[in-house]
Amino acid sequence: MSFEPRDYLRHILIEADYLLDRSADLTQSRARLAERLLESLENLTPEENARI
């Protein structure tokens, strides 16, 4: 199947928009997870820290 250049670019933009929408929640979720992980690491005892 052959696309006209404009149709091909439109398809790419639609796909990019879809992927950005789908990844927005995932990005926020990962950011919250990273924040909680850093908080947990900051609260480690020296003994726990040495084991990592």
PDB file of N, CA and C in Angstrom:
ATOM      1  N   MET A   1       0.849  -1.168   0.000  1.00  0.00           N
ATOM      2  CA  MET A   1       0.000   0.000   0.000  1.00  0.00           C
ATOM      3  C   MET A   1       0.900   1.237   0.000  1.00  0.00           C
ATOM      4  N   SER A   2       0.605   2.148  -0.883  1.00  0.00           N
ATOM      5  CA  SER A   2       1.403   3.360  -1.008  1.00  0.00           C
ATOM      6  C   SER A   2       0.613   4.548  -0.465  1.00  0.00           C
ATOM      7  N   PHE A   3       1.303   5.384   0.295  1.00  0.00           N
ATOM      8  CA  PHE A   3       0.677   6.574   0.857  1.00  0.00           C
ATOM      9  C   PHE A   3       1.235   7.810   0.170  1.00  0.00           C
ATOM     10  N   GLU A   4       0.407   8.810   0.050  1.00  0.00           N
ATOM     11  CA  GLU A   4       0.902  10.121  -0.337  1.00  0.00           C
ATOM     12  C   GLU A   4       1.706  10.653   0.848  1.00  0.00           C
ATOM     13  N   PRO A   5       2.724  11.477   0.610  1.00  0.00           N
ATOM     14  CA  PRO A   5       3.544  11.978   1.728  1.00  0.00           C
ATOM     15  C   PRO A   5       2.720  12.638   2.833  1.00  0.00           C
ATOM     16  N   ARG A   6       1.720  13.414   2.462  1.00  0.00           N
ATOM     17  CA  ARG A   6       0.899  14.096   3.466  1.00  0.00           C
ATOM     18  C   ARG A   6       0.109  13.085   4.303  1.00  0.00           C
ATOM     19  N   ASP A   7      -0.443  12.065   3.648  1.00  0.00           N
ATOM     20  CA  ASP A   7      -1.183  11.027   4.369  1.00  0.00           C
ATOM     21  C   ASP A   7      -0.263  10.249   5.303  1.00  0.00           C
ATOM     22  N   TYR A   8       0.942   9.973   4.839  1.00  0.00           N
ATOM     23  CA  TYR A   8       1.917   9.250   5.657  1.00  0.00           C
ATOM     24  C   TYR A   8       2.273  10.061   6.904  1.00  0.00           C
ATOM     25  N   LEU A   9       2.529  11.356   6.737  1.00  0.00           N
ATOM     26  CA  LEU A   9       2.840  12.211   7.884  1.00  0.00           C
ATOM     27  C   LEU A   9       1.653  12.322   8.832  1.00  0.00           C
ATOM     28  N   ARG A  10       0.448  12.400   8.287  1.00  0.00           N
ATOM     29  CA  ARG A  10      -0.750  12.461   9.127  1.00  0.00           C
ATOM     30  C   ARG A  10      -0.859  11.189   9.968  1.00  0.00           C
ATOM     31  N   HIS A  11      -0.596  10.045   9.342  1.00  0.00           N
ATOM     32  CA  HIS A  11      -0.624   8.773  10.060  1.00  0.00           C
ATOM     33  C   HIS A  11       0.411   8.765  11.187  1.00  0.00           C
ATOM     34  N   ILE A  12       1.618   9.243  10.915  1.00  0.00           N
ATOM     35  CA  ILE A  12       2.674   9.292  11.939  1.00  0.00           C
ATOM     36  C   ILE A  12       2.252  10.195  13.099  1.00  0.00           C
ATOM     37  N   LEU A  13       1.683  11.335  12.798  1.00  0.00           N
ATOM     38  CA  LEU A  13       1.247  12.254  13.851  1.00  0.00           C
ATOM     39  C   LEU A  13       0.125  11.656  14.694  1.00  0.00           C
ATOM     40  N   ILE A  14      -0.806  10.956  14.060  1.00  0.00           N
ATOM     41  CA  ILE A  14      -1.889  10.308  14.801  1.00  0.00           C
ATOM     42  C   ILE A  14      -1.317   9.245  15.733  1.00  0.00           C
ATOM     43  N   GLU A  15      -0.372   8.439  15.227  1.00  0.00           N
ATOM     44  CA  GLU A  15       0.262   7.409  16.052  1.00  0.00           C
ATOM     45  C   GLU A  15       1.042   8.031  17.202  1.00  0.00           C
ATOM     46  N   ALA A  16       1.778   9.102  16.935  1.00  0.00           N
ATOM     47  CA  ALA A  16       2.553   9.772  17.981  1.00  0.00           C
ATOM     48  C   ALA A  16       1.628  10.323  19.063  1.00  0.00           C
ATOM     49  N   ASP A  17       0.527  10.929  18.661  1.00  0.00           N
ATOM     50  CA  ASP A  17      -0.437  11.461  19.615  1.00  0.00           C
ATOM     51  C   ASP A  17      -1.015  10.348  20.479  1.00  0.00           C
ATOM     52  N   TYR A  18      -1.352   9.235  19.855  1.00  0.00           N
ATOM     53  CA  TYR A  18      -1.881   8.080  20.581  1.00  0.00           C
ATOM     54  C   TYR A  18      -0.856   7.571  21.605  1.00  0.00           C
ATOM     55  N   LEU A  19       0.393   7.433  21.178  1.00  0.00           N
ATOM     56  CA  LEU A  19       1.426   6.931  22.086  1.00  0.00           C
ATOM     57  C   LEU A  19       1.684   7.895  23.241  1.00  0.00           C
ATOM     58  N   LEU A  20       1.648   9.178  22.972  1.00  0.00           N
ATOM     59  CA  LEU A  20       1.828  10.156  24.051  1.00  0.00           C
ATOM     60  C   LEU A  20       0.692  10.068  25.061  1.00  0.00           C
ATOM     61  N   ASP A  21      -0.536   9.933  24.578  1.00  0.00           N
ATOM     62  CA  ASP A  21      -1.677   9.790  25.485  1.00  0.00           C
ATOM     63  C   ASP A  21      -1.556   8.533  26.339  1.00  0.00           C
ATOM     64  N   ARG A  22      -1.161   7.426  25.709  1.00  0.00           N
ATOM     65  CA  ARG A  22      -1.045   6.153  26.435  1.00  0.00           C
ATOM     66  C   ARG A  22       0.094   6.176  27.440  1.00  0.00           C
ATOM     67  N   SER A  23       1.164   6.895  27.139  1.00  0.00           N
ATOM     68  CA  SER A  23       2.327   6.890  28.023  1.00  0.00           C
ATOM     69  C   SER A  23       2.239   7.934  29.135  1.00  0.00           C
ATOM     70  N   ALA A  24       1.309   8.867  29.042  1.00  0.00           N
ATOM     71  CA  ALA A  24       1.211   9.925  30.048  1.00  0.00           C
ATOM     72  C   ALA A  24       0.946   9.354  31.433  1.00  0.00           C
ATOM     73  N   ASP A  25      -0.018   8.442  31.537  1.00  0.00           N
ATOM     74  CA  ASP A  25      -0.322   7.838  32.833  1.00  0.00           C
ATOM     75  C   ASP A  25       0.848   7.003  33.323  1.00  0.00           C
ATOM     76  N   LEU A  26       1.467   6.282  32.426  1.00  0.00           N
ATOM     77  CA  LEU A  26       2.590   5.445  32.797  1.00  0.00           C
ATOM     78  C   LEU A  26       3.752   6.299  33.307  1.00  0.00           C
ATOM     79  N   THR A  27       3.993   7.421  32.671  1.00  0.00           N
ATOM     80  CA  THR A  27       5.073   8.310  33.085  1.00  0.00           C
ATOM     81  C   THR A  27       4.803   8.857  34.479  1.00  0.00           C
ATOM     82  N   GLN A  28       3.575   9.281  34.744  1.00  0.00           N
ATOM     83  CA  GLN A  28       3.232   9.791  36.070  1.00  0.00           C
ATOM     84  C   GLN A  28       3.366   8.697  37.109  1.00  0.00           C
ATOM     85  N   SER A  29       2.938   7.509  36.765  1.00  0.00           N
ATOM     86  CA  SER A  29       3.034   6.385  37.687  1.00  0.00           C
ATOM     87  C   SER A  29       4.492   6.060  37.993  1.00  0.00           C
ATOM     88  N   ARG A  30       5.318   6.063  36.977  1.00  0.00           N
ATOM     89  CA  ARG A  30       6.749   5.798  37.186  1.00  0.00           C
ATOM     90  C   ARG A  30       7.393   6.875  38.026  1.00  0.00           C
ATOM     91  N   ALA A  31       6.987   8.116  37.835  1.00  0.00           N
ATOM     92  CA  ALA A  31       7.545   9.218  38.619  1.00  0.00           C
ATOM     93  C   ALA A  31       7.191   9.054  40.097  1.00  0.00           C
ATOM     94  N   ARG A  32       5.949   8.678  40.373  1.00  0.00           N
ATOM     95  CA  ARG A  32       5.542   8.461  41.769  1.00  0.00           C
ATOM     96  C   ARG A  32       6.303   7.287  42.376  1.00  0.00           C
ATOM     97  N   LEU A  33       6.472   6.236  41.589  1.00  0.00           N
ATOM     98  CA  LEU A  33       7.211   5.076  42.063  1.00  0.00           C
ATOM     99  C   LEU A  33       8.664   5.438  42.357  1.00  0.00           C
ATOM    100  N   ALA A  34       9.291   6.193  41.482  1.00  0.00           N
ATOM    101  CA  ALA A  34      10.679   6.612  41.693  1.00  0.00           C
ATOM    102  C   ALA A  34      10.801   7.482  42.939  1.00  0.00           C
ATOM    103  N   GLU A  35       9.832   8.350  43.156  1.00  0.00           N
ATOM    104  CA  GLU A  35       9.849   9.215  44.333  1.00  0.00           C
ATOM    105  C   GLU A  35       9.747   8.387  45.618  1.00  0.00           C
ATOM    106  N   ARG A  36       8.837   7.402  45.618  1.00  0.00           N
ATOM    107  CA  ARG A  36       8.694   6.535  46.793  1.00  0.00           C
ATOM    108  C   ARG A  36       9.946   5.698  47.020  1.00  0.00           C
ATOM    109  N   LEU A  37      10.558   5.247  45.947  1.00  0.00           N
ATOM    110  CA  LEU A  37      11.790   4.467  46.065  1.00  0.00           C
ATOM    111  C   LEU A  37      12.903   5.315  46.668  1.00  0.00           C
ATOM    112  N   LEU A  38      13.048   6.542  46.212  1.00  0.00           N
ATOM    113  CA  LEU A  38      14.080   7.422  46.770  1.00  0.00           C
ATOM    114  C   LEU A  38      13.820   7.700  48.252  1.00  0.00           C
ATOM    115  N   GLU A  39      12.566   7.918  48.607  1.00  0.00           N
ATOM    116  CA  GLU A  39      12.237   8.131  50.016  1.00  0.00           C
ATOM    117  C   GLU A  39      12.605   6.915  50.848  1.00  0.00           C
ATOM    118  N   SER A  40      12.324   5.738  50.319  1.00  0.00           N
ATOM    119  CA  SER A  40      12.665   4.508  51.035  1.00  0.00           C
ATOM    120  C   SER A  40      14.169   4.367  51.194  1.00  0.00           C
ATOM    121  N   LEU A  41      14.910   4.686  50.152  1.00  0.00           N
ATOM    122  CA  LEU A  41      16.366   4.572  50.218  1.00  0.00           C
ATOM    123  C   LEU A  41      16.961   5.562  51.213  1.00  0.00           C
ATOM    124  N   GLU A  42      16.359   6.735  51.314  1.00  0.00           N
ATOM    125  CA  GLU A  42      16.844   7.740  52.260  1.00  0.00           C
ATOM    126  C   GLU A  42      16.635   7.290  53.701  1.00  0.00           C
ATOM    127  N   ASN A  43      15.665   6.416  53.934  1.00  0.00           N
ATOM    128  CA  ASN A  43      15.342   5.982  55.289  1.00  0.00           C
ATOM    129  C   ASN A  43      16.044   4.696  55.692  1.00  0.00           C
ATOM    130  N   LEU A  44      16.959   4.194  54.866  1.00  0.00           N
ATOM    131  CA  LEU A  44      17.670   2.964  55.209  1.00  0.00           C
ATOM    132  C   LEU A  44      18.657   3.197  56.342  1.00  0.00           C
ATOM    133  N   THR A  45      18.809   2.193  57.169  1.00  0.00           N
ATOM    134  CA  THR A  45      19.835   2.251  58.200  1.00  0.00           C
ATOM    135  C   THR A  45      21.188   1.995  57.532  1.00  0.00           C
ATOM    136  N   PRO A  46      22.304   2.355  58.189  1.00  0.00           N
ATOM    137  CA  PRO A  46      23.619   2.080  57.607  1.00  0.00           C
ATOM    138  C   PRO A  46      23.819   0.593  57.303  1.00  0.00           C
ATOM    139  N   GLU A  47      23.288  -0.276  58.147  1.00  0.00           N
ATOM    140  CA  GLU A  47      23.428  -1.724  57.908  1.00  0.00           C
ATOM    141  C   GLU A  47      22.675  -2.141  56.658  1.00  0.00           C
ATOM    142  N   GLU A  48      21.465  -1.631  56.505  1.00  0.00           N
ATOM    143  CA  GLU A  48      20.676  -1.951  55.323  1.00  0.00           C
ATOM    144  C   GLU A  48      21.355  -1.389  54.064  1.00  0.00           C
ATOM    145  N   ASN A  49      21.890  -0.196  54.187  1.00  0.00           N
ATOM    146  CA  ASN A  49      22.561   0.445  53.072  1.00  0.00           C
ATOM    147  C   ASN A  49      23.793  -0.350  52.641  1.00  0.00           C
ATOM    148  N   ALA A  50      24.510  -0.936  53.595  1.00  0.00           N
ATOM    149  CA  ALA A  50      25.712  -1.701  53.286  1.00  0.00           C
ATOM    150  C   ALA A  50      25.372  -2.973  52.522  1.00  0.00           C
ATOM    151  N   ARG A  51      24.170  -3.517  52.743  1.00  0.00           N
ATOM    152  CA  ARG A  51      23.774  -4.749  52.065  1.00  0.00           C
ATOM    153  C   ARG A  51      23.395  -4.538  50.614  1.00  0.00           C
ATOM    154  N   ILE A  52      23.135  -3.306  50.248  1.00  0.00           N
ATOM    155  CA  ILE A  52      22.670  -3.036  48.872  1.00  0.00           C
ATOM    156  C   ILE A  52      23.817  -3.001  47.930  1.00  0.00           C
TER     157      ILE A  52
END
